[in-house]
Amino acid sequence: MRKDPLARQSSDTFLGFDFGTKKIGVAVGQLTTATANSLQTMRSPNQTPNWHAIEQLVKEWQPAGFVVGISRQLDGTDNSVTPRMLKFCRQLNGRFNLPVHQQDETLTTFEAKQLLFDDVHVNATKLWAVQDELAAQLILQSWLNQQDKTI
């Protein structure tokens, strides 16, 4: 199988995910620059991740691994969505055989909404469409910032 010459080939590239049962926000970032950028929000038909779309992103970006936001209660216990997030992590690892890093996502969607609505004045319709990819960017950026400190 020939490799696409336009595919990005960076071993320090990571894809970040803000998992939700209806939508999944996606971001991309690099360890070298320690920056993350939002990519897209994909719908989850029948509350199932769109594996075809995720596979296309993996082929395009050729990541070294994934970062998935995991939400928990403020006391650290699992909430109702945590088990599905953990399942998504296992599925990512199983399908693509790449490491999956879990990152606390407490309040990232709230932070994304506040940033978009209050600071950028995005209307409610546009907010619903992009809040998850911005949350994925915030999750991935937090993880990248932590890696920068350990290097």
N, C-alpha and C. Protein backbone atom coordinates (compact mmCIF):
# COMPACT_ATOMS: atom_id res chain seq x y z
N MET A 1 0.84 -1.18 0.00
CA MET A 1 0.00 0.00 0.00
C MET A 1 0.89 1.25 0.00
N ARG A 2 0.65 2.16 -0.93
CA ARG A 2 1.42 3.41 -1.03
C ARG A 2 0.94 4.41 0.00
N LYS A 3 1.88 5.13 0.55
CA LYS A 3 1.53 6.20 1.47
C LYS A 3 1.17 7.45 0.69
N ASP A 4 0.22 8.17 1.20
CA ASP A 4 -0.16 9.44 0.61
C ASP A 4 0.97 10.44 0.86
N PRO A 5 1.58 10.99 -0.20
CA PRO A 5 2.70 11.91 0.00
C PRO A 5 2.30 13.20 0.72
N LEU A 6 1.00 13.51 0.73
CA LEU A 6 0.55 14.72 1.40
C LEU A 6 0.21 14.48 2.87
N ALA A 7 0.19 13.22 3.28
CA ALA A 7 -0.15 12.92 4.67
C ALA A 7 0.92 13.50 5.59
N ARG A 8 0.45 14.03 6.70
CA ARG A 8 1.38 14.61 7.66
C ARG A 8 2.10 13.48 8.39
N GLN A 9 3.40 13.55 8.46
CA GLN A 9 4.18 12.49 9.08
C GLN A 9 4.99 13.06 10.23
N SER A 10 4.33 13.25 11.32
CA SER A 10 4.99 13.81 12.49
C SER A 10 4.75 12.89 13.67
N SER A 11 5.82 12.34 14.20
CA SER A 11 5.68 11.40 15.31
C SER A 11 5.27 12.10 16.60
N ASP A 12 5.21 13.41 16.60
CA ASP A 12 4.80 14.12 17.82
C ASP A 12 3.39 14.69 17.71
N THR A 13 2.63 14.22 16.75
CA THR A 13 1.26 14.67 16.55
C THR A 13 0.30 13.81 17.37
N PHE A 14 -0.67 14.46 18.01
CA PHE A 14 -1.68 13.75 18.78
C PHE A 14 -3.06 14.27 18.39
N LEU A 15 -4.03 13.38 18.39
CA LEU A 15 -5.42 13.77 18.19
C LEU A 15 -6.09 13.79 19.55
N GLY A 16 -6.84 14.85 19.82
CA GLY A 16 -7.57 14.99 21.07
C GLY A 16 -9.06 14.86 20.84
N PHE A 17 -9.75 14.28 21.79
CA PHE A 17 -11.19 14.04 21.66
C PHE A 17 -11.94 14.53 22.89
N ASP A 18 -13.05 15.21 22.63
CA ASP A 18 -14.04 15.53 23.65
C ASP A 18 -15.22 14.61 23.35
N PHE A 19 -15.29 13.49 24.06
CA PHE A 19 -16.29 12.46 23.78
C PHE A 19 -17.64 12.85 24.36
N GLY A 20 -18.65 12.68 23.53
CA GLY A 20 -20.03 12.82 23.96
C GLY A 20 -20.86 11.77 23.26
N THR A 21 -22.02 11.47 23.79
CA THR A 21 -22.83 10.43 23.18
C THR A 21 -23.47 10.89 21.88
N LYS A 22 -23.66 12.20 21.70
CA LYS A 22 -24.26 12.72 20.46
C LYS A 22 -23.23 13.29 19.50
N LYS A 23 -22.15 13.87 20.07
CA LYS A 23 -21.11 14.51 19.25
C LYS A 23 -19.76 14.26 19.88
N ILE A 24 -18.74 14.25 19.03
CA ILE A 24 -17.37 14.13 19.50
C ILE A 24 -16.57 15.26 18.87
N GLY A 25 -15.96 16.07 19.73
CA GLY A 25 -15.10 17.14 19.25
C GLY A 25 -13.70 16.59 19.04
N VAL A 26 -13.03 17.08 17.99
CA VAL A 26 -11.69 16.59 17.66
C VAL A 26 -10.74 17.76 17.49
N ALA A 27 -9.52 17.58 18.01
CA ALA A 27 -8.47 18.58 17.88
C ALA A 27 -7.17 17.86 17.51
N VAL A 28 -6.21 18.63 17.03
CA VAL A 28 -4.89 18.08 16.71
C VAL A 28 -3.84 18.97 17.35
N GLY A 29 -2.76 18.36 17.79
CA GLY A 29 -1.68 19.13 18.40
C GLY A 29 -0.35 18.42 18.25
N GLN A 30 0.70 19.18 18.49
CA GLN A 30 2.05 18.64 18.37
C GLN A 30 2.83 18.93 19.65
N LEU A 31 3.65 17.95 20.04
CA LEU A 31 4.51 18.14 21.21
C LEU A 31 5.58 19.20 20.95
N THR A 32 6.11 19.23 19.72
CA THR A 32 7.19 20.16 19.39
C THR A 32 6.79 21.60 19.63
N THR A 33 5.60 21.95 19.19
CA THR A 33 5.14 23.34 19.35
C THR A 33 4.31 23.53 20.61
N ALA A 34 3.89 22.41 21.22
CA ALA A 34 3.03 22.44 22.41
C ALA A 34 1.77 23.26 22.16
N THR A 35 1.21 23.08 20.96
CA THR A 35 -0.03 23.78 20.62
C THR A 35 -1.06 22.81 20.07
N ALA A 36 -2.31 23.12 20.35
CA ALA A 36 -3.44 22.33 19.86
C ALA A 36 -4.38 23.24 19.09
N ASN A 37 -5.01 22.68 18.08
CA ASN A 37 -5.99 23.41 17.27
C ASN A 37 -7.23 22.55 17.08
N SER A 38 -8.38 23.18 17.10
CA SER A 38 -9.62 22.43 16.88
C SER A 38 -9.68 21.99 15.42
N LEU A 39 -10.27 20.82 15.19
CA LEU A 39 -10.42 20.30 13.83
C LEU A 39 -11.87 20.26 13.39
N GLN A 40 -12.68 19.54 14.14
CA GLN A 40 -14.07 19.35 13.73
C GLN A 40 -14.90 18.76 14.85
N THR A 41 -16.21 18.80 14.64
CA THR A 41 -17.15 18.12 15.51
C THR A 41 -17.86 17.09 14.65
N MET A 42 -17.81 15.84 15.09
CA MET A 42 -18.50 14.79 14.33
C MET A 42 -19.68 14.27 15.14
N ARG A 43 -20.74 14.02 14.44
CA ARG A 43 -21.93 13.46 15.09
C ARG A 43 -21.70 11.97 15.35
N SER A 44 -22.38 11.48 16.37
CA SER A 44 -22.31 10.06 16.72
C SER A 44 -23.67 9.44 16.46
N PRO A 45 -23.85 8.87 15.25
CA PRO A 45 -25.16 8.29 14.92
C PRO A 45 -25.49 7.14 15.88
N ASN A 46 -26.70 7.13 16.39
CA ASN A 46 -27.15 6.11 17.33
C ASN A 46 -26.22 5.99 18.54
N GLN A 47 -25.66 7.11 18.96
CA GLN A 47 -24.75 7.18 20.11
C GLN A 47 -23.53 6.27 19.94
N THR A 48 -23.10 6.10 18.69
CA THR A 48 -21.92 5.29 18.38
C THR A 48 -20.91 6.19 17.67
N PRO A 49 -19.63 6.13 18.09
CA PRO A 49 -18.63 6.96 17.41
C PRO A 49 -18.58 6.66 15.91
N ASN A 50 -18.33 7.69 15.12
CA ASN A 50 -18.22 7.53 13.68
C ASN A 50 -16.80 7.03 13.37
N TRP A 51 -16.63 5.72 13.43
CA TRP A 51 -15.30 5.13 13.29
C TRP A 51 -14.70 5.37 11.93
N HIS A 52 -15.52 5.46 10.90
CA HIS A 52 -15.00 5.74 9.56
C HIS A 52 -14.34 7.13 9.53
N ALA A 53 -15.01 8.12 10.10
CA ALA A 53 -14.47 9.48 10.12
C ALA A 53 -13.20 9.54 10.98
N ILE A 54 -13.19 8.82 12.10
CA ILE A 54 -12.00 8.80 12.95
C ILE A 54 -10.85 8.13 12.22
N GLU A 55 -11.13 7.05 11.51
CA GLU A 55 -10.09 6.36 10.73
C GLU A 55 -9.49 7.30 9.68
N GLN A 56 -10.33 8.10 9.04
CA GLN A 56 -9.83 9.05 8.04
C GLN A 56 -8.90 10.08 8.69
N LEU A 57 -9.24 10.54 9.88
CA LEU A 57 -8.37 11.49 10.60
C LEU A 57 -7.04 10.83 10.97
N VAL A 58 -7.09 9.58 11.37
CA VAL A 58 -5.86 8.87 11.72
C VAL A 58 -4.97 8.72 10.48
N LYS A 59 -5.57 8.40 9.36
CA LYS A 59 -4.80 8.29 8.11
C LYS A 59 -4.19 9.63 7.72
N GLU A 60 -4.97 10.69 7.86
CA GLU A 60 -4.50 12.01 7.46
C GLU A 60 -3.39 12.53 8.37
N TRP A 61 -3.58 12.42 9.68
CA TRP A 61 -2.66 13.04 10.63
C TRP A 61 -1.57 12.11 11.13
N GLN A 62 -1.75 10.81 10.98
CA GLN A 62 -0.78 9.80 11.43
C GLN A 62 -0.27 10.12 12.84
N PRO A 63 -1.17 10.16 13.82
CA PRO A 63 -0.77 10.56 15.17
C PRO A 63 0.08 9.51 15.87
N ALA A 64 0.83 9.98 16.84
CA ALA A 64 1.61 9.09 17.71
C ALA A 64 0.70 8.52 18.80
N GLY A 65 -0.43 9.14 19.01
CA GLY A 65 -1.37 8.68 20.02
C GLY A 65 -2.57 9.60 20.12
N PHE A 66 -3.39 9.33 21.12
CA PHE A 66 -4.63 10.06 21.31
C PHE A 66 -4.70 10.60 22.74
N VAL A 67 -5.46 11.67 22.91
CA VAL A 67 -5.76 12.22 24.23
C VAL A 67 -7.28 12.34 24.31
N VAL A 68 -7.86 11.71 25.31
CA VAL A 68 -9.31 11.71 25.45
C VAL A 68 -9.67 12.35 26.78
N GLY A 69 -10.56 13.30 26.72
CA GLY A 69 -11.04 13.93 27.95
C GLY A 69 -11.94 12.98 28.72
N ILE A 70 -11.70 12.88 30.01
CA ILE A 70 -12.50 12.02 30.88
C ILE A 70 -13.13 12.90 31.96
N SER A 71 -14.45 12.85 32.03
CA SER A 71 -15.13 13.66 33.06
C SER A 71 -15.50 12.77 34.24
N ARG A 72 -15.41 13.37 35.38
CA ARG A 72 -15.79 12.70 36.63
C ARG A 72 -16.51 13.73 37.50
N GLN A 73 -17.12 13.23 38.55
CA GLN A 73 -17.75 14.12 39.52
C GLN A 73 -16.65 14.95 40.18
N LEU A 74 -17.02 16.03 40.82
CA LEU A 74 -16.04 16.88 41.49
C LEU A 74 -15.29 16.14 42.60
N ASP A 75 -15.92 15.10 43.16
CA ASP A 75 -15.24 14.32 44.21
C ASP A 75 -14.36 13.21 43.63
N GLY A 76 -14.26 13.13 42.29
CA GLY A 76 -13.39 12.15 41.64
C GLY A 76 -14.06 10.85 41.25
N THR A 77 -15.31 10.65 41.65
CA THR A 77 -16.02 9.43 41.28
C THR A 77 -16.55 9.55 39.86
N ASP A 78 -16.82 8.39 39.26
CA ASP A 78 -17.36 8.38 37.90
C ASP A 78 -18.74 9.00 37.85
N ASN A 79 -19.04 9.66 36.73
CA ASN A 79 -20.40 10.12 36.49
C ASN A 79 -21.05 9.15 35.50
N SER A 80 -22.23 9.46 35.02
CA SER A 80 -22.95 8.52 34.15
C SER A 80 -22.27 8.32 32.79
N VAL A 81 -21.47 9.26 32.33
CA VAL A 81 -20.83 9.15 31.01
C VAL A 81 -19.41 8.56 31.10
N THR A 82 -18.80 8.58 32.26
CA THR A 82 -17.41 8.12 32.41
C THR A 82 -17.19 6.72 31.84
N PRO A 83 -18.04 5.72 32.13
CA PRO A 83 -17.79 4.38 31.57
C PRO A 83 -17.78 4.37 30.04
N ARG A 84 -18.62 5.18 29.40
CA ARG A 84 -18.63 5.24 27.93
C ARG A 84 -17.36 5.90 27.40
N MET A 85 -16.84 6.89 28.13
CA MET A 85 -15.59 7.54 27.74
C MET A 85 -14.44 6.54 27.83
N LEU A 86 -14.42 5.76 28.90
CA LEU A 86 -13.36 4.76 29.07
C LEU A 86 -13.46 3.67 28.00
N LYS A 87 -14.68 3.30 27.63
CA LYS A 87 -14.88 2.33 26.54
C LYS A 87 -14.34 2.91 25.24
N PHE A 88 -14.61 4.18 24.98
CA PHE A 88 -14.10 4.85 23.77
C PHE A 88 -12.56 4.79 23.76
N CYS A 89 -11.93 5.00 24.90
CA CYS A 89 -10.46 4.91 25.00
C CYS A 89 -9.98 3.52 24.62
N ARG A 90 -10.63 2.50 25.17
CA ARG A 90 -10.24 1.11 24.85
C ARG A 90 -10.44 0.81 23.37
N GLN A 91 -11.53 1.32 22.80
CA GLN A 91 -11.80 1.08 21.38
C GLN A 91 -10.77 1.77 20.49
N LEU A 92 -10.39 3.00 20.83
CA LEU A 92 -9.36 3.71 20.07
C LEU A 92 -8.06 2.90 20.08
N ASN A 93 -7.66 2.45 21.25
CA ASN A 93 -6.44 1.67 21.37
C ASN A 93 -6.55 0.36 20.60
N GLY A 94 -7.67 -0.31 20.71
CA GLY A 94 -7.86 -1.59 20.03
C GLY A 94 -7.90 -1.46 18.52
N ARG A 95 -8.51 -0.41 18.00
CA ARG A 95 -8.63 -0.24 16.55
C ARG A 95 -7.35 0.26 15.90
N PHE A 96 -6.61 1.12 16.59
CA PHE A 96 -5.47 1.77 15.94
C PHE A 96 -4.12 1.41 16.57
N ASN A 97 -4.15 0.64 17.67
CA ASN A 97 -2.93 0.19 18.34
C ASN A 97 -1.97 1.35 18.64
N LEU A 98 -2.55 2.44 19.12
CA LEU A 98 -1.78 3.62 19.52
C LEU A 98 -2.11 3.93 20.97
N PRO A 99 -1.17 4.55 21.69
CA PRO A 99 -1.46 4.87 23.10
C PRO A 99 -2.58 5.90 23.22
N VAL A 100 -3.37 5.71 24.26
CA VAL A 100 -4.47 6.63 24.56
C VAL A 100 -4.22 7.21 25.94
N HIS A 101 -4.08 8.52 26.00
CA HIS A 101 -3.84 9.22 27.26
C HIS A 101 -5.16 9.84 27.71
N GLN A 102 -5.47 9.66 28.97
CA GLN A 102 -6.69 10.24 29.52
C GLN A 102 -6.36 11.55 30.21
N GLN A 103 -7.20 12.55 29.95
CA GLN A 103 -6.99 13.88 30.51
C GLN A 103 -8.28 14.34 31.19
N ASP A 104 -8.14 14.84 32.39
CA ASP A 104 -9.31 15.37 33.10
C ASP A 104 -9.93 16.49 32.27
N GLU A 105 -11.22 16.37 32.01
CA GLU A 105 -11.89 17.39 31.21
C GLU A 105 -12.90 18.18 32.02
N THR A 106 -12.76 18.15 33.31
CA THR A 106 -13.71 18.85 34.16
C THR A 106 -13.90 20.29 33.69
N LEU A 107 -15.12 20.61 33.38
CA LEU A 107 -15.56 21.96 33.00
C LEU A 107 -15.02 22.46 31.66
N THR A 108 -14.41 21.61 30.83
CA THR A 108 -13.88 22.12 29.56
C THR A 108 -15.00 22.54 28.61
N THR A 109 -16.11 21.78 28.56
CA THR A 109 -17.21 22.19 27.68
C THR A 109 -17.82 23.49 28.19
N PHE A 110 -17.94 23.62 29.50
CA PHE A 110 -18.43 24.87 30.07
C PHE A 110 -17.49 26.02 29.71
N GLU A 111 -16.18 25.78 29.84
CA GLU A 111 -15.19 26.80 29.51
C GLU A 111 -15.27 27.17 28.03
N ALA A 112 -15.43 26.17 27.17
CA ALA A 112 -15.54 26.42 25.73
C ALA A 112 -16.79 27.26 25.43
N LYS A 113 -17.91 26.90 26.05
CA LYS A 113 -19.15 27.67 25.84
C LYS A 113 -18.97 29.11 26.30
N GLN A 114 -18.38 29.27 27.45
CA GLN A 114 -18.20 30.62 27.99
C GLN A 114 -17.30 31.45 27.08
N LEU A 115 -16.23 30.85 26.62
CA LEU A 115 -15.32 31.55 25.72
C LEU A 115 -16.03 31.96 24.43
N LEU A 116 -16.75 31.02 23.84
CA LEU A 116 -17.41 31.30 22.57
C LEU A 116 -18.57 32.27 22.72
N PHE A 117 -19.38 32.08 23.74
CA PHE A 117 -20.58 32.89 23.89
C PHE A 117 -20.27 34.26 24.47
N ASP A 118 -19.51 34.29 25.55
CA ASP A 118 -19.24 35.56 26.24
C ASP A 118 -18.15 36.38 25.56
N ASP A 119 -17.05 35.72 25.22
CA ASP A 119 -15.89 36.45 24.72
C ASP A 119 -15.94 36.70 23.21
N VAL A 120 -16.43 35.72 22.46
CA VAL A 120 -16.43 35.86 20.99
C VAL A 120 -17.82 36.19 20.46
N HIS A 121 -18.84 36.07 21.31
CA HIS A 121 -20.23 36.40 20.98
C HIS A 121 -20.78 35.54 19.84
N VAL A 122 -20.49 34.24 19.90
CA VAL A 122 -21.02 33.30 18.93
C VAL A 122 -22.49 33.04 19.29
N ASN A 123 -23.37 32.97 18.27
CA ASN A 123 -24.78 32.72 18.56
C ASN A 123 -24.99 31.27 18.99
N ALA A 124 -26.15 30.98 19.55
CA ALA A 124 -26.43 29.67 20.14
C ALA A 124 -26.34 28.54 19.13
N THR A 125 -26.77 28.75 17.90
CA THR A 125 -26.72 27.71 16.87
C THR A 125 -25.27 27.36 16.53
N LYS A 126 -24.46 28.36 16.30
CA LYS A 126 -23.05 28.14 16.00
C LYS A 126 -22.33 27.54 17.22
N LEU A 127 -22.70 28.00 18.40
CA LEU A 127 -22.10 27.49 19.64
C LEU A 127 -22.29 25.98 19.73
N TRP A 128 -23.50 25.49 19.47
CA TRP A 128 -23.79 24.06 19.55
C TRP A 128 -22.93 23.29 18.56
N ALA A 129 -22.63 23.87 17.41
CA ALA A 129 -21.87 23.19 16.37
C ALA A 129 -20.38 23.11 16.68
N VAL A 130 -19.82 24.09 17.39
CA VAL A 130 -18.36 24.14 17.55
C VAL A 130 -17.84 23.98 18.98
N GLN A 131 -18.73 23.97 19.97
CA GLN A 131 -18.26 23.93 21.36
C GLN A 131 -17.45 22.67 21.66
N ASP A 132 -17.79 21.55 21.04
CA ASP A 132 -17.10 20.29 21.35
C ASP A 132 -15.69 20.26 20.77
N GLU A 133 -15.50 20.83 19.57
CA GLU A 133 -14.14 20.84 19.02
C GLU A 133 -13.25 21.81 19.80
N LEU A 134 -13.82 22.89 20.29
CA LEU A 134 -13.04 23.79 21.13
C LEU A 134 -12.72 23.12 22.47
N ALA A 135 -13.68 22.36 23.02
CA ALA A 135 -13.41 21.61 24.25
C ALA A 135 -12.30 20.59 24.01
N ALA A 136 -12.30 19.92 22.85
CA ALA A 136 -11.23 18.97 22.51
C ALA A 136 -9.89 19.68 22.45
N GLN A 137 -9.89 20.89 21.90
CA GLN A 137 -8.66 21.68 21.83
C GLN A 137 -8.16 22.00 23.24
N LEU A 138 -9.07 22.40 24.13
CA LEU A 138 -8.69 22.72 25.51
C LEU A 138 -8.15 21.49 26.24
N ILE A 139 -8.77 20.33 26.01
CA ILE A 139 -8.32 19.07 26.62
C ILE A 139 -6.91 18.74 26.14
N LEU A 140 -6.73 18.78 24.82
CA LEU A 140 -5.43 18.44 24.25
C LEU A 140 -4.36 19.45 24.67
N GLN A 141 -4.73 20.73 24.70
CA GLN A 141 -3.77 21.76 25.10
C GLN A 141 -3.33 21.55 26.55
N SER A 142 -4.26 21.19 27.41
CA SER A 142 -3.91 20.92 28.82
C SER A 142 -2.92 19.77 28.91
N TRP A 143 -3.16 18.71 28.13
CA TRP A 143 -2.26 17.56 28.14
C TRP A 143 -0.88 17.95 27.60
N LEU A 144 -0.86 18.70 26.50
CA LEU A 144 0.41 19.14 25.93
C LEU A 144 1.19 20.00 26.92
N ASN A 145 0.50 20.88 27.64
CA ASN A 145 1.15 21.72 28.64
C ASN A 145 1.80 20.88 29.73
N GLN A 146 1.14 19.82 30.13
CA GLN A 146 1.71 18.94 31.14
C GLN A 146 2.93 18.20 30.62
N GLN A 147 2.92 17.83 29.33
CA GLN A 147 4.06 17.13 28.75
C GLN A 147 5.26 18.06 28.66
N ASP A 148 4.99 19.31 28.35
CA ASP A 148 6.07 20.30 28.23
C ASP A 148 6.83 20.43 29.55
N LYS A 149 6.14 20.29 30.66
CA LYS A 149 6.77 20.42 31.97
C LYS A 149 7.61 19.20 32.33
N THR A 150 7.29 18.05 31.71
CA THR A 150 8.01 16.82 32.04
C THR A 150 9.23 16.59 31.16
N ILE A 151 9.40 17.42 30.13
CA ILE A 151 10.52 17.25 29.20
C ILE A 151 11.75 17.94 29.72
